[in-house]
Amino acid sequence: MNYVVSTIWKHPDDMDKARMREVQSQWRDNPNLVNIYWFEIDSRTHGSVSIFTSKSAFEANLARQEEHRSTSTSEHSITMTHEAQGECFAILHD
């Protein structure tokens, strides 16, 4: 069963979407992930939905994810304002 993590991130300035796409591409070959969606809430806020293959895949990925989050905060002053996570129990389209 897929495991979903949803977060909201606040940027100190307008987002650099091109740089963000480059940063996101580092996750492309991660076998634990089904997909990651980053979306604009406003010019300084983005949401993220990460879908993992399972809860154990999420847990296996946690150290790498925490390292990325720490870098985002310390080097780019991007702060997480919300996180929700849980096992998916219904999917409209597979």
C-alpha atoms as a PDB file:
ATOM      1  CA  MET A   1       0.000   0.000   0.000  1.00  0.00           C
ATOM      2  CA  ASN A   2       1.387   3.431  -0.954  1.00  0.00           C
ATOM      3  CA  TYR A   3       2.441   5.842   1.775  1.00  0.00           C
ATOM      4  CA  VAL A   4       1.794   9.571   1.240  1.00  0.00           C
ATOM      5  CA  VAL A   5       3.619  12.530   2.789  1.00  0.00           C
ATOM      6  CA  SER A   6       2.244  16.039   2.276  1.00  0.00           C
ATOM      7  CA  THR A   7       4.167  19.143   3.361  1.00  0.00           C
ATOM      8  CA  ILE A   8       3.999  22.918   2.978  1.00  0.00           C
ATOM      9  CA  TRP A   9       7.168  25.020   2.669  1.00  0.00           C
ATOM     10  CA  LYS A  10       7.701  28.771   3.085  1.00  0.00           C
ATOM     11  CA  HIS A  11      10.479  30.475   1.093  1.00  0.00           C
ATOM     12  CA  PRO A  12      12.135  33.759   2.142  1.00  0.00           C
ATOM     13  CA  ASP A  13      11.791  35.129  -1.417  1.00  0.00           C
ATOM     14  CA  ASP A  14       9.922  34.216  -4.594  1.00  0.00           C
ATOM     15  CA  MET A  15      10.571  30.621  -5.573  1.00  0.00           C
ATOM     16  CA  ASP A  16      13.161  29.777  -8.205  1.00  0.00           C
ATOM     17  CA  LYS A  17      11.150  27.050  -9.927  1.00  0.00           C
ATOM     18  CA  ALA A  18      13.916  26.143 -12.387  1.00  0.00           C
ATOM     19  CA  ARG A  19      16.345  25.492  -9.512  1.00  0.00           C
ATOM     20  CA  MET A  20      13.653  23.590  -7.658  1.00  0.00           C
ATOM     21  CA  ARG A  21      13.118  21.294 -10.665  1.00  0.00           C
ATOM     22  CA  GLU A  22      16.869  20.608 -10.705  1.00  0.00           C
ATOM     23  CA  VAL A  23      16.857  19.837  -6.981  1.00  0.00           C
ATOM     24  CA  GLN A  24      13.863  17.551  -7.351  1.00  0.00           C
ATOM     25  CA  SER A  25      15.564  15.599 -10.154  1.00  0.00           C
ATOM     26  CA  GLN A  26      18.043  14.142  -7.624  1.00  0.00           C
ATOM     27  CA  TRP A  27      15.191  11.887  -6.451  1.00  0.00           C
ATOM     28  CA  ARG A  28      14.476  10.488  -9.939  1.00  0.00           C
ATOM     29  CA  ASP A  29      16.245   7.155  -9.450  1.00  0.00           C
ATOM     30  CA  ASN A  30      14.988   6.537  -5.911  1.00  0.00           C
ATOM     31  CA  PRO A  31      13.261   3.119  -5.920  1.00  0.00           C
ATOM     32  CA  ASN A  32      11.309   3.994  -2.753  1.00  0.00           C
ATOM     33  CA  LEU A  33       9.319   6.735  -4.500  1.00  0.00           C
ATOM     34  CA  VAL A  34       6.349   6.470  -6.824  1.00  0.00           C
ATOM     35  CA  ASN A  35       6.395  10.219  -7.490  1.00  0.00           C
ATOM     36  CA  ILE A  36       6.861  13.683  -5.984  1.00  0.00           C
ATOM     37  CA  TYR A  37       4.596  16.608  -6.801  1.00  0.00           C
ATOM     38  CA  TRP A  38       5.612  20.176  -5.960  1.00  0.00           C
ATOM     39  CA  PHE A  39       2.986  22.831  -6.506  1.00  0.00           C
ATOM     40  CA  GLU A  40       2.737  26.588  -6.043  1.00  0.00           C
ATOM     41  CA  ILE A  41       0.469  27.900  -3.294  1.00  0.00           C
ATOM     42  CA  ASP A  42       1.721  31.468  -3.760  1.00  0.00           C
ATOM     43  CA  SER A  43       5.000  32.971  -4.993  1.00  0.00           C
ATOM     44  CA  ARG A  44       6.753  32.179  -1.688  1.00  0.00           C
ATOM     45  CA  THR A  45       4.984  28.985  -0.650  1.00  0.00           C
ATOM     46  CA  HIS A  46       4.947  25.544  -2.196  1.00  0.00           C
ATOM     47  CA  GLY A  47       3.245  22.315  -1.325  1.00  0.00           C
ATOM     48  CA  SER A  48       4.719  18.871  -1.743  1.00  0.00           C
ATOM     49  CA  VAL A  49       3.090  15.468  -2.086  1.00  0.00           C
ATOM     50  CA  SER A  50       5.504  12.530  -1.999  1.00  0.00           C
ATOM     51  CA  ILE A  51       4.182   9.058  -2.690  1.00  0.00           C
ATOM     52  CA  PHE A  52       6.257   6.144  -1.475  1.00  0.00           C
ATOM     53  CA  THR A  53       5.761   2.512  -2.443  1.00  0.00           C
ATOM     54  CA  SER A  54       5.014   1.602   1.192  1.00  0.00           C
ATOM     55  CA  LYS A  55       5.487   2.780   4.764  1.00  0.00           C
ATOM     56  CA  SER A  56       8.671   0.719   5.015  1.00  0.00           C
ATOM     57  CA  ALA A  57       9.970   2.407   1.828  1.00  0.00           C
ATOM     58  CA  PHE A  58       9.257   5.788   3.444  1.00  0.00           C
ATOM     59  CA  GLU A  59      11.126   4.720   6.577  1.00  0.00           C
ATOM     60  CA  ALA A  60      14.069   3.452   4.495  1.00  0.00           C
ATOM     61  CA  ASN A  61      14.189   6.849   2.798  1.00  0.00           C
ATOM     62  CA  LEU A  62      13.806   8.911   5.976  1.00  0.00           C
ATOM     63  CA  ALA A  63      17.497   9.655   6.630  1.00  0.00           C
ATOM     64  CA  ARG A  64      17.995  10.957   3.086  1.00  0.00           C
ATOM     65  CA  GLN A  65      14.796  12.990   3.317  1.00  0.00           C
ATOM     66  CA  GLU A  66      15.795  14.529   6.657  1.00  0.00           C
ATOM     67  CA  GLU A  67      19.205  15.461   5.248  1.00  0.00           C
ATOM     68  CA  HIS A  68      17.538  17.195   2.282  1.00  0.00           C
ATOM     69  CA  ARG A  69      15.135  19.041   4.586  1.00  0.00           C
ATOM     70  CA  SER A  70      17.988  20.182   6.825  1.00  0.00           C
ATOM     71  CA  THR A  71      19.904  21.537   3.832  1.00  0.00           C
ATOM     72  CA  SER A  72      16.810  23.355   2.554  1.00  0.00           C
ATOM     73  CA  THR A  73      16.442  25.065   5.914  1.00  0.00           C
ATOM     74  CA  SER A  74      20.091  25.813   6.725  1.00  0.00           C
ATOM     75  CA  GLU A  75      21.312  26.810   3.257  1.00  0.00           C
ATOM     76  CA  HIS A  76      18.188  28.294   1.679  1.00  0.00           C
ATOM     77  CA  SER A  77      16.088  29.425   4.689  1.00  0.00           C
ATOM     78  CA  ILE A  78      13.123  27.395   3.448  1.00  0.00           C
ATOM     79  CA  THR A  79      10.985  26.274   6.378  1.00  0.00           C
ATOM     80  CA  MET A  80       8.366  23.562   6.627  1.00  0.00           C
ATOM     81  CA  THR A  81       5.105  24.878   8.078  1.00  0.00           C
ATOM     82  CA  HIS A  82       3.001  21.686   7.865  1.00  0.00           C
ATOM     83  CA  GLU A  83       3.421  17.941   7.467  1.00  0.00           C
ATOM     84  CA  ALA A  84       0.876  15.143   7.264  1.00  0.00           C
ATOM     85  CA  GLN A  85       1.538  11.523   6.390  1.00  0.00           C
ATOM     86  CA  GLY A  86      -0.249   8.227   6.234  1.00  0.00           C
ATOM     87  CA  GLU A  87      -0.954   5.039   4.406  1.00  0.00           C
ATOM     88  CA  CYS A  88      -3.140   5.408   1.333  1.00  0.00           C
ATOM     89  CA  PHE A  89      -6.424   3.500   1.638  1.00  0.00           C
ATOM     90  CA  ALA A  90      -8.238   4.573  -1.551  1.00  0.00           C
ATOM     91  CA  ILE A  91      -6.978   5.542  -5.026  1.00  0.00           C
ATOM     92  CA  LEU A  92      -9.259   6.931  -7.737  1.00  0.00           C
ATOM     93  CA  HIS A  93      -6.942   6.057 -10.670  1.00  0.00           C
ATOM     94  CA  ASP A  94      -4.191   3.473 -10.506  1.00  0.00           C
END
